[in-house]
Amino acid sequence: MNRTILITAAAFGIIAIALGAFGAHGLKQLISIEAQQTFETGVRYQMYHALMLLFVGTTTFLKDKSKTIIYYLVVVGILCFSGSIYGLATMEVTGINFKTIGFVTPIGGLFLIIAWVLMMVAFLKEKRYNS
């Protein structure tokens, strides 16, 4: 599972950099400043969680079961949170009304928060057993 986590982390990182560059250069003249900032938020959160997955995939402080749960929460969270933000920010260009799926943004955010909470709980449990 660690290999899968690390590959996913690297892929999310690559995609975040590519989308960040696209947002800063390719979309600059096409969408409003507010939409650019929204797009950048999606990129930033995607990169934060790519780095989180790099940590999760390499740490020995988490059990495999915790790693697996955190991994799936982050993947679904990024797809819902950042993915919906990308859609919402580029509606001016695509002509697709992504407002109908806007409800998945906070759901994705909740998945990301739960992943962090589970990681913290796992660390707290680990400390108890290895004090």
C-alpha atoms as a PDB file:
ATOM      1  CA  MET A   1       0.000   0.000   0.000  1.00  0.00           C
ATOM      2  CA  ASN A   2       2.888   2.383   0.714  1.00  0.00           C
ATOM      3  CA  ARG A   3       3.917   2.238  -2.947  1.00  0.00           C
ATOM      4  CA  THR A   4       0.374   3.108  -4.059  1.00  0.00           C
ATOM      5  CA  ILE A   5       0.225   5.991  -1.589  1.00  0.00           C
ATOM      6  CA  LEU A   6       3.570   7.357  -2.780  1.00  0.00           C
ATOM      7  CA  ILE A   7       2.693   7.041  -6.470  1.00  0.00           C
ATOM      8  CA  THR A   8      -0.631   8.793  -5.862  1.00  0.00           C
ATOM      9  CA  ALA A   9       1.146  11.522  -3.887  1.00  0.00           C
ATOM     10  CA  ALA A  10       3.601  12.087  -6.725  1.00  0.00           C
ATOM     11  CA  ALA A  11       0.780  12.146  -9.292  1.00  0.00           C
ATOM     12  CA  PHE A  12      -1.223  14.650  -7.233  1.00  0.00           C
ATOM     13  CA  GLY A  13       1.912  16.795  -6.895  1.00  0.00           C
ATOM     14  CA  ILE A  14       2.636  16.717 -10.625  1.00  0.00           C
ATOM     15  CA  ILE A  15      -0.971  17.562 -11.458  1.00  0.00           C
ATOM     16  CA  ALA A  16      -1.019  20.380  -8.875  1.00  0.00           C
ATOM     17  CA  ILE A  17       2.088  21.971 -10.388  1.00  0.00           C
ATOM     18  CA  ALA A  18       0.721  21.642 -13.922  1.00  0.00           C
ATOM     19  CA  LEU A  19      -2.670  23.065 -12.929  1.00  0.00           C
ATOM     20  CA  GLY A  20      -1.008  25.849 -10.960  1.00  0.00           C
ATOM     21  CA  ALA A  21       1.010  26.880 -13.998  1.00  0.00           C
ATOM     22  CA  PHE A  22      -2.056  26.591 -16.216  1.00  0.00           C
ATOM     23  CA  GLY A  23      -4.075  28.686 -13.791  1.00  0.00           C
ATOM     24  CA  ALA A  24      -1.389  31.365 -13.510  1.00  0.00           C
ATOM     25  CA  HIS A  25      -0.666  31.613 -17.223  1.00  0.00           C
ATOM     26  CA  GLY A  26      -3.308  29.896 -19.358  1.00  0.00           C
ATOM     27  CA  LEU A  27      -6.376  31.087 -17.488  1.00  0.00           C
ATOM     28  CA  LYS A  28      -5.107  34.545 -16.587  1.00  0.00           C
ATOM     29  CA  GLN A  29      -6.889  36.324 -19.450  1.00  0.00           C
ATOM     30  CA  LEU A  30      -9.882  33.989 -19.531  1.00  0.00           C
ATOM     31  CA  ILE A  31     -11.355  34.085 -16.025  1.00  0.00           C
ATOM     32  CA  SER A  32     -11.866  36.738 -13.377  1.00  0.00           C
ATOM     33  CA  ILE A  33      -9.340  37.400 -10.626  1.00  0.00           C
ATOM     34  CA  GLU A  34     -11.790  35.924  -8.115  1.00  0.00           C
ATOM     35  CA  ALA A  35     -12.058  32.741 -10.192  1.00  0.00           C
ATOM     36  CA  GLN A  36      -8.251  32.615 -10.462  1.00  0.00           C
ATOM     37  CA  GLN A  37      -7.974  32.810  -6.679  1.00  0.00           C
ATOM     38  CA  THR A  38     -10.578  30.081  -6.330  1.00  0.00           C
ATOM     39  CA  PHE A  39      -8.669  27.886  -8.799  1.00  0.00           C
ATOM     40  CA  GLU A  40      -5.468  28.545  -6.844  1.00  0.00           C
ATOM     41  CA  THR A  41      -7.181  27.382  -3.651  1.00  0.00           C
ATOM     42  CA  GLY A  42      -7.926  24.034  -5.289  1.00  0.00           C
ATOM     43  CA  VAL A  43      -4.305  23.724  -6.431  1.00  0.00           C
ATOM     44  CA  ARG A  44      -2.956  24.664  -2.990  1.00  0.00           C
ATOM     45  CA  TYR A  45      -5.102  22.120  -1.149  1.00  0.00           C
ATOM     46  CA  GLN A  46      -4.224  19.445  -3.679  1.00  0.00           C
ATOM     47  CA  MET A  47      -0.510  20.084  -3.099  1.00  0.00           C
ATOM     48  CA  TYR A  48      -0.910  20.151   0.691  1.00  0.00           C
ATOM     49  CA  HIS A  49      -2.506  16.736   0.542  1.00  0.00           C
ATOM     50  CA  ALA A  50       0.025  15.371  -1.951  1.00  0.00           C
ATOM     51  CA  LEU A  51       2.661  16.221   0.662  1.00  0.00           C
ATOM     52  CA  MET A  52       0.511  14.670   3.378  1.00  0.00           C
ATOM     53  CA  LEU A  53       0.319  11.440   1.373  1.00  0.00           C
ATOM     54  CA  LEU A  54       4.112  11.451   0.945  1.00  0.00           C
ATOM     55  CA  PHE A  55       4.366  11.537   4.719  1.00  0.00           C
ATOM     56  CA  VAL A  56       1.698   8.876   5.219  1.00  0.00           C
ATOM     57  CA  GLY A  57       3.384   6.571   2.710  1.00  0.00           C
ATOM     58  CA  THR A  58       6.782   6.815   4.387  1.00  0.00           C
ATOM     59  CA  THR A  59       6.032   7.034   8.094  1.00  0.00           C
ATOM     60  CA  THR A  60       6.317   4.116  10.473  1.00  0.00           C
ATOM     61  CA  PHE A  61       4.130   5.855  13.049  1.00  0.00           C
ATOM     62  CA  LEU A  62       0.919   4.761  11.336  1.00  0.00           C
ATOM     63  CA  LYS A  63      -0.417   1.247  11.041  1.00  0.00           C
ATOM     64  CA  ASP A  64      -1.297  -0.071   7.602  1.00  0.00           C
ATOM     65  CA  LYS A  65      -5.033   0.054   8.334  1.00  0.00           C
ATOM     66  CA  SER A  66      -4.799   3.740   9.287  1.00  0.00           C
ATOM     67  CA  LYS A  67      -2.710   4.480   6.198  1.00  0.00           C
ATOM     68  CA  THR A  68      -5.280   2.833   3.960  1.00  0.00           C
ATOM     69  CA  ILE A  69      -8.220   4.721   5.464  1.00  0.00           C
ATOM     70  CA  ILE A  70      -6.354   8.045   5.357  1.00  0.00           C
ATOM     71  CA  TYR A  71      -5.311   7.366   1.765  1.00  0.00           C
ATOM     72  CA  TYR A  72      -8.873   6.805   0.549  1.00  0.00           C
ATOM     73  CA  LEU A  73     -10.211   9.789   2.487  1.00  0.00           C
ATOM     74  CA  VAL A  74      -7.570  12.046   0.936  1.00  0.00           C
ATOM     75  CA  VAL A  75      -8.068  10.728  -2.600  1.00  0.00           C
ATOM     76  CA  VAL A  76     -11.849  11.161  -2.453  1.00  0.00           C
ATOM     77  CA  GLY A  77     -11.428  14.462  -0.621  1.00  0.00           C
ATOM     78  CA  ILE A  78      -9.097  15.884  -3.278  1.00  0.00           C
ATOM     79  CA  LEU A  79     -11.277  14.682  -6.131  1.00  0.00           C
ATOM     80  CA  CYS A  80     -14.377  16.228  -4.565  1.00  0.00           C
ATOM     81  CA  PHE A  81     -12.840  19.365  -3.056  1.00  0.00           C
ATOM     82  CA  SER A  82     -10.210  20.433  -5.582  1.00  0.00           C
ATOM     83  CA  GLY A  83     -12.010  18.861  -8.530  1.00  0.00           C
ATOM     84  CA  SER A  84     -15.223  20.760  -7.900  1.00  0.00           C
ATOM     85  CA  ILE A  85     -13.272  23.970  -7.282  1.00  0.00           C
ATOM     86  CA  TYR A  86     -11.529  23.583 -10.645  1.00  0.00           C
ATOM     87  CA  GLY A  87     -14.906  23.146 -12.302  1.00  0.00           C
ATOM     88  CA  LEU A  88     -16.517  26.067 -10.492  1.00  0.00           C
ATOM     89  CA  ALA A  89     -13.573  28.384 -11.219  1.00  0.00           C
ATOM     90  CA  THR A  90     -13.531  27.621 -14.937  1.00  0.00           C
ATOM     91  CA  MET A  91     -17.269  27.866 -15.644  1.00  0.00           C
ATOM     92  CA  GLU A  92     -16.670  31.106 -17.582  1.00  0.00           C
ATOM     93  CA  VAL A  93     -14.442  29.212 -20.027  1.00  0.00           C
ATOM     94  CA  THR A  94     -16.119  25.819 -20.220  1.00  0.00           C
ATOM     95  CA  GLY A  95     -19.695  27.034 -20.283  1.00  0.00           C
ATOM     96  CA  ILE A  96     -20.593  24.094 -18.011  1.00  0.00           C
ATOM     97  CA  ASN A  97     -22.683  24.974 -14.970  1.00  0.00           C
ATOM     98  CA  PHE A  98     -20.726  23.285 -12.204  1.00  0.00           C
ATOM     99  CA  LYS A  99     -22.903  24.933  -9.536  1.00  0.00           C
ATOM    100  CA  THR A 100     -25.074  21.826  -9.606  1.00  0.00           C
ATOM    101  CA  ILE A 101     -22.140  19.796  -8.209  1.00  0.00           C
ATOM    102  CA  GLY A 102     -20.923  22.565  -5.904  1.00  0.00           C
ATOM    103  CA  PHE A 103     -22.306  20.663  -2.922  1.00  0.00           C
ATOM    104  CA  VAL A 104     -19.425  18.162  -3.206  1.00  0.00           C
ATOM    105  CA  THR A 105     -16.849  20.848  -2.329  1.00  0.00           C
ATOM    106  CA  PRO A 106     -17.640  20.873   1.413  1.00  0.00           C
ATOM    107  CA  ILE A 107     -18.046  17.087   1.383  1.00  0.00           C
ATOM    108  CA  GLY A 108     -14.536  16.795  -0.030  1.00  0.00           C
ATOM    109  CA  GLY A 109     -13.299  19.243   2.583  1.00  0.00           C
ATOM    110  CA  LEU A 110     -14.920  17.159   5.302  1.00  0.00           C
ATOM    111  CA  PHE A 111     -13.149  14.028   4.018  1.00  0.00           C
ATOM    112  CA  LEU A 112      -9.831  15.889   4.180  1.00  0.00           C
ATOM    113  CA  ILE A 113     -10.521  17.046   7.738  1.00  0.00           C
ATOM    114  CA  ILE A 114     -11.470  13.501   8.777  1.00  0.00           C
ATOM    115  CA  ALA A 115      -8.196  12.215   7.287  1.00  0.00           C
ATOM    116  CA  TRP A 116      -6.229  14.665   9.431  1.00  0.00           C
ATOM    117  CA  VAL A 117      -8.280  13.784  12.533  1.00  0.00           C
ATOM    118  CA  LEU A 118      -7.714  10.049  11.978  1.00  0.00           C
ATOM    119  CA  MET A 119      -4.002  10.664  11.590  1.00  0.00           C
ATOM    120  CA  MET A 120      -3.929  12.618  14.845  1.00  0.00           C
ATOM    121  CA  VAL A 121      -5.913   9.914  16.656  1.00  0.00           C
ATOM    122  CA  ALA A 122      -3.513   7.264  15.341  1.00  0.00           C
ATOM    123  CA  PHE A 123      -0.566   9.301  16.633  1.00  0.00           C
ATOM    124  CA  LEU A 124      -2.223   9.711  20.018  1.00  0.00           C
ATOM    125  CA  LYS A 125      -2.816   5.965  20.256  1.00  0.00           C
ATOM    126  CA  GLU A 126       0.750   5.224  19.153  1.00  0.00           C
ATOM    127  CA  LYS A 127       2.152   7.480  21.851  1.00  0.00           C
ATOM    128  CA  ARG A 128       0.103   5.709  24.501  1.00  0.00           C
ATOM    129  CA  TYR A 129       1.541   2.343  23.548  1.00  0.00           C
ATOM    130  CA  ASN A 130       5.133   3.459  22.979  1.00  0.00           C
ATOM    131  CA  SER A 131       5.697   5.964  25.806  1.00  0.00           C
END
